[in-house]
Protein backbone atom coordinates (compact mmCIF):
# COMPACT_ATOMS: atom_id res chain seq x y z
CA UNK A 1 7.99 -29.10 -2.96
CA UNK A 2 5.87 -26.01 -3.54
CA UNK A 3 2.82 -25.36 -5.87
CA UNK A 4 3.34 -25.96 -9.50
CA UNK A 5 1.66 -23.16 -11.14
CA UNK A 6 2.66 -23.59 -14.45
CA UNK A 7 0.08 -26.77 -14.23
CA UNK A 8 -3.52 -25.67 -16.31
CA UNK A 9 -5.24 -28.07 -14.12
CA UNK A 10 -4.10 -25.22 -10.61
CA UNK A 11 -4.51 -22.59 -13.01
CA UNK A 12 -8.17 -23.05 -13.89
CA UNK A 13 -9.06 -23.94 -9.94
CA UNK A 14 -7.46 -20.52 -8.83
CA UNK A 15 -9.55 -18.93 -11.11
CA UNK A 16 -12.19 -20.40 -9.90
CA UNK A 17 -11.60 -19.57 -6.17
CA UNK A 18 -13.88 -17.08 -4.59
CA UNK A 19 -11.41 -14.90 -3.72
CA UNK A 20 -13.75 -12.37 -1.50
CA UNK A 21 -11.82 -11.92 1.36
CA UNK A 22 -8.25 -11.00 -0.63
CA UNK A 23 -10.69 -8.55 -2.59
CA UNK A 24 -12.28 -6.87 0.69
CA UNK A 25 -9.31 -6.97 2.80
CA UNK A 26 -6.49 -6.52 0.37
CA UNK A 27 -7.72 -5.60 -3.33
CA UNK A 28 -9.66 -2.68 -2.56
CA UNK A 29 -7.59 -1.28 -0.17
CA UNK A 30 -4.61 -1.57 -3.03
CA UNK A 31 -6.97 -0.20 -5.66
CA UNK A 32 -8.09 3.20 -3.63
CA UNK A 33 -4.55 3.33 -2.66
CA UNK A 34 -3.24 2.98 -6.26
CA UNK A 35 -6.73 5.42 -7.19
CA UNK A 36 -5.80 8.27 -4.80
CA UNK A 37 -2.57 9.07 -5.81
CA UNK A 38 -2.10 10.77 -9.33
CA UNK A 39 0.97 10.51 -9.93
CA UNK A 40 0.49 7.08 -11.13
CA UNK A 41 0.30 6.38 -14.32
CA UNK A 42 2.56 3.24 -15.26
CA UNK A 43 2.28 0.20 -13.19
CA UNK A 44 3.95 -3.23 -12.74
CA UNK A 45 1.75 -6.13 -11.41
CA UNK A 46 4.32 -8.80 -10.69
CA UNK A 47 2.54 -12.09 -10.52
CA UNK A 48 -0.60 -11.16 -11.78
CA UNK A 49 -1.87 -14.78 -12.06
CA UNK A 50 -5.35 -14.57 -13.98
CA UNK A 51 -5.22 -10.53 -13.59
CA UNK A 52 -8.15 -10.44 -11.50
CA UNK A 53 -6.25 -7.20 -9.79
CA UNK A 54 -4.85 -5.22 -12.96
CA UNK A 55 -8.25 -5.77 -14.70
CA UNK A 56 -10.05 -3.58 -12.26
CA UNK A 57 -7.08 -0.88 -12.43
CA UNK A 58 -7.01 -1.16 -16.03
CA UNK A 59 -11.15 -0.64 -16.24
CA UNK A 60 -11.07 1.93 -13.84
CA UNK A 61 -8.62 4.23 -15.37
CA UNK A 62 -7.93 3.94 -19.19
CA UNK A 63 -4.71 6.21 -19.07
CA UNK A 64 -3.25 3.52 -16.36
CA UNK A 65 -0.09 1.48 -18.43
CA UNK A 66 -0.14 -1.81 -16.64
CA UNK A 67 2.62 -4.19 -17.34
CA UNK A 68 1.27 -7.69 -16.09
CA UNK A 69 3.89 -10.33 -15.51
CA UNK A 70 3.72 -13.89 -14.76
CA UNK A 71 5.99 -17.22 -14.68
CA UNK A 72 2.48 -19.67 -15.72
CA UNK A 73 1.43 -19.56 -19.09
CA UNK A 74 -1.64 -21.15 -18.38
CA UNK A 75 -2.69 -18.32 -15.92
CA UNK A 76 -1.72 -15.81 -18.68
CA UNK A 77 -3.91 -17.86 -21.02
CA UNK A 78 -6.57 -17.11 -18.21
CA UNK A 79 -5.71 -13.47 -18.51
CA UNK A 80 -5.97 -12.60 -21.47
CA UNK A 81 -9.13 -14.55 -22.12
CA UNK A 82 -11.12 -13.25 -19.40
CA UNK A 83 -9.52 -10.06 -18.91
CA UNK A 84 -7.80 -8.84 -21.44
CA UNK A 85 -7.48 -4.85 -21.88
CA UNK A 86 -5.93 -2.60 -24.42
CA UNK A 87 -3.72 -0.74 -21.70
CA UNK A 88 -2.35 -4.08 -19.80
CA UNK A 89 0.82 -5.73 -21.78
CA UNK A 90 0.64 -9.09 -20.07
CA UNK A 91 4.13 -10.63 -20.12
CA UNK A 92 5.95 -14.38 -19.55
CA UNK A 93 8.71 -14.30 -17.27
CA UNK A 94 11.63 -16.59 -16.70
CA UNK A 95 13.72 -16.61 -13.18
CA UNK A 96 11.94 -13.19 -12.14
CA UNK A 97 13.55 -11.22 -15.23
CA UNK A 98 12.46 -8.22 -15.41
CA UNK A 99 15.62 -6.94 -17.40
CA UNK A 100 13.07 -5.61 -19.97
CA UNK A 101 11.79 -3.06 -18.15
CA UNK A 102 14.04 0.14 -18.04
CA UNK A 103 15.05 1.55 -14.71
CA UNK A 104 13.27 4.01 -12.87
CA UNK A 105 10.21 4.04 -15.08
CA UNK A 106 7.57 2.33 -13.13
CA UNK A 107 5.18 4.55 -10.81
CA UNK A 108 4.13 2.07 -9.08
CA UNK A 109 4.72 -2.03 -7.98
CA UNK A 110 1.71 -3.95 -7.09
CA UNK A 111 2.93 -7.94 -5.60
CA UNK A 112 -0.15 -9.95 -4.34
CA UNK A 113 0.67 -12.95 -2.70
CA UNK A 114 4.01 -13.83 -4.51
CA UNK A 115 6.46 -14.21 -1.60
CA UNK A 116 4.01 -17.11 0.06
CA UNK A 117 5.17 -19.22 -2.67
CA UNK A 118 8.73 -18.75 -3.42
CA UNK A 119 10.83 -21.26 -0.87
CA UNK A 120 14.33 -18.70 -1.37
CA UNK A 121 15.26 -16.28 0.54
CA UNK A 122 17.78 -14.77 -1.64
CA UNK A 123 15.88 -15.14 -4.84
CA UNK A 124 12.92 -13.03 -3.17
CA UNK A 125 15.91 -10.62 -1.94
CA UNK A 126 16.91 -10.24 -6.16
CA UNK A 127 12.95 -9.79 -6.64
CA UNK A 128 12.97 -6.33 -4.41
CA UNK A 129 16.47 -5.15 -6.00
CA UNK A 130 14.70 -5.55 -8.97
CA UNK A 131 11.70 -3.73 -8.28
CA UNK A 132 14.12 -0.63 -6.80
CA UNK A 133 15.92 -0.60 -10.10
CA UNK A 134 12.82 0.00 -11.82
CA UNK A 135 10.68 2.19 -9.82
CA UNK A 136 11.36 5.48 -10.34
CA UNK A 137 12.68 7.82 -7.58
CA UNK A 138 9.42 8.20 -5.22
CA UNK A 139 7.72 5.87 -6.63
CA UNK A 140 5.67 2.97 -4.63
CA UNK A 141 5.68 -0.57 -4.09
CA UNK A 142 2.50 -2.28 -2.67
CA UNK A 143 3.04 -6.08 -1.29
CA UNK A 144 0.04 -8.15 -0.47
CA UNK A 145 0.18 -11.50 1.32
CA UNK A 146 -1.00 -13.66 3.68
CA UNK A 147 -0.33 -12.57 7.60
CA UNK A 148 2.03 -14.81 9.06
CA UNK A 149 0.55 -14.49 12.37
CA UNK A 150 -2.76 -15.88 10.86
CA UNK A 151 -0.93 -19.47 10.06
CA UNK A 152 -3.11 -21.89 11.03
CA UNK A 153 -6.19 -19.99 11.19
CA UNK A 154 -9.62 -21.45 9.18
CA UNK A 155 -11.28 -18.50 7.59
CA UNK A 156 -14.11 -18.55 5.95
CA UNK A 157 -13.03 -19.28 2.56
CA UNK A 158 -9.49 -20.95 3.32
CA UNK A 159 -6.58 -22.20 5.53
CA UNK A 160 -3.50 -21.45 5.43
CA UNK A 161 -1.02 -24.05 7.45
CA UNK A 162 -1.84 -25.77 10.60
CA UNK A 163 -3.28 -25.13 13.92
CA UNK A 164 -1.38 -24.11 16.94
CA UNK A 165 1.97 -24.89 14.91
CA UNK A 166 4.72 -22.43 15.40
CA UNK A 167 6.62 -22.25 11.87
CA UNK A 168 10.06 -21.73 11.08
CA UNK A 169 11.03 -19.18 8.67
CA UNK A 170 11.25 -20.92 5.37
CA UNK A 171 9.80 -23.86 6.52
CA UNK A 172 7.09 -25.58 4.09
CA UNK A 173 3.48 -25.36 4.61
CA UNK A 174 0.11 -26.26 3.23
CA UNK A 175 -3.01 -23.57 2.07
CA UNK A 176 -6.79 -25.31 1.67
CA UNK A 177 -9.06 -23.27 -1.07
CA UNK A 178 -12.56 -23.68 -0.43
CA UNK A 179 -13.82 -23.92 -4.16
CA UNK A 180 -18.03 -24.59 -4.20
CA UNK A 181 -18.98 -27.46 -5.96
CA UNK A 182 -15.13 -28.56 -6.16
CA UNK A 183 -12.59 -30.18 -4.11
CA UNK A 184 -10.69 -27.70 -1.93
CA UNK A 185 -7.69 -26.69 -3.32
CA UNK A 186 -4.43 -27.39 -1.77
CA UNK A 187 -1.23 -25.27 -2.33
CA UNK A 188 1.88 -25.30 -0.70
CA UNK A 189 3.81 -22.65 0.35
CA UNK A 190 6.29 -21.28 2.66
CA UNK A 191 5.90 -19.53 6.11
CA UNK A 192 7.76 -16.24 6.28
CA UNK A 193 7.74 -13.57 8.90
CA UNK A 194 6.78 -9.81 9.04
CA UNK A 195 10.23 -9.12 9.41
CA UNK A 196 11.88 -11.37 6.72
CA UNK A 197 9.55 -8.30 4.77
CA UNK A 198 10.88 -5.66 6.28
CA UNK A 199 14.88 -6.74 6.04
CA UNK A 200 13.94 -7.73 2.28
CA UNK A 201 12.51 -3.70 1.31
CA UNK A 202 15.43 -2.11 3.67
CA UNK A 203 18.26 -4.65 2.07
CA UNK A 204 16.49 -2.91 -1.44
CA UNK A 205 16.87 0.47 -0.10
CA UNK A 206 13.29 0.98 -0.38
CA UNK A 207 11.58 2.57 3.17
CA UNK A 208 8.33 1.33 4.55
CA UNK A 209 5.80 3.54 4.67
CA UNK A 210 2.48 2.08 6.52
CA UNK A 211 1.27 -1.57 7.28
CA UNK A 212 -1.89 -2.24 6.80
CA UNK A 213 -3.73 -5.65 8.77
CA UNK A 214 -7.49 -5.33 8.29
CA UNK A 215 -10.18 -7.73 9.74
CA UNK A 216 -13.62 -6.97 8.17
CA UNK A 217 -14.49 -4.72 11.66
CA UNK A 218 -11.52 -2.54 11.32
CA UNK A 219 -12.08 -1.72 7.36
CA UNK A 220 -11.78 1.66 6.00
CA UNK A 221 -15.38 3.06 6.32
CA UNK A 222 -16.15 3.61 2.89
CA UNK A 223 -15.02 0.01 2.05
CA UNK A 224 -16.64 -1.55 4.59
CA UNK A 225 -20.12 0.02 3.51
CA UNK A 226 -19.36 -1.88 0.05
CA UNK A 227 -19.06 -5.04 1.54
CA UNK A 228 -21.37 -5.42 4.31
CA UNK A 229 -24.23 -4.15 1.37
CA UNK A 230 -22.82 -6.57 -1.00
CA UNK A 231 -22.30 -9.64 1.64
CA UNK A 232 -25.16 -8.51 4.07
CA UNK A 233 -26.32 -12.37 4.95
CA UNK A 234 -22.82 -13.32 4.45
CA UNK A 235 -21.79 -15.69 7.48
CA UNK A 236 -18.11 -13.92 8.62
CA UNK A 237 -15.95 -16.36 9.93
CA UNK A 238 -12.60 -15.44 12.35
CA UNK A 239 -11.77 -12.50 9.44
CA UNK A 240 -14.53 -10.34 11.42
CA UNK A 241 -11.73 -9.78 14.03
CA UNK A 242 -8.34 -11.65 13.02
CA UNK A 243 -6.49 -10.26 9.76
CA UNK A 244 -6.03 -13.17 7.24
CA UNK A 245 -3.36 -10.70 5.37
CA UNK A 246 -1.13 -7.72 5.54
CA UNK A 247 -0.45 -5.01 3.32
CA UNK A 248 3.31 -3.42 3.05
CA UNK A 249 3.53 0.12 1.36
CA UNK A 250 7.70 1.03 0.64
CA UNK A 251 8.79 4.00 -1.84
CA UNK A 252 11.76 4.68 -3.09
CA UNK A 253 13.58 7.91 -1.88
CA UNK A 254 13.62 11.07 -4.22
CA UNK A 255 16.44 12.77 -4.74
CA UNK A 256 17.24 15.14 -2.53
CA UNK A 257 18.27 18.72 -4.17
CA UNK A 258 21.06 20.63 -2.47
């Protein structure tokens, strides 16, 4: 049984979670990649949750036009309440239906911590094929998810899975998020290996360009300096030298002129 993201209690608790590690080792890296690509204006945030990532993007460039979708009305209500910006279109989707988006119309898709919450290998493959459909030629897909090789590692803000357990592909695992002043938020998600992500991308006719597996100590210098300054007194845990997340960047191949 997976996490019921449509429940208001779960949505509100997740919104209170201090996602500093996700921000430092994931979101900031994605934001830099998008901002540095001047060909990107139209963005799809698939599985936007409470809107934290798309709001950072939207506020950094008023020319961005962002479609932010999620399956949870409660998540979208939180996003609209706290992160409603004029250049974000929040949209409820069911059964991963993106038919309202034209083919070849999106410059960049970002999707953060979505696939660990999906138990069906073939439904995930369908999502990747939809990504390929809506991306324009030369468009970019950026996937951020829990690192498969970090299952069971106790990081300073969360633990994902049981220590010393070898998970099978598609096996259910428990994630525990630390929320200050509240009980831990326990989530139920699924284990997918790195090769699963590569296969989904390949089978959708997308091309992997690069993967990033950042720890605090090997972050790009600009992000490292910012986080060290912001969290100068923080007692770093395993994230100092163990990557909690993986970022995979893929593209839709441009048409070749003959």
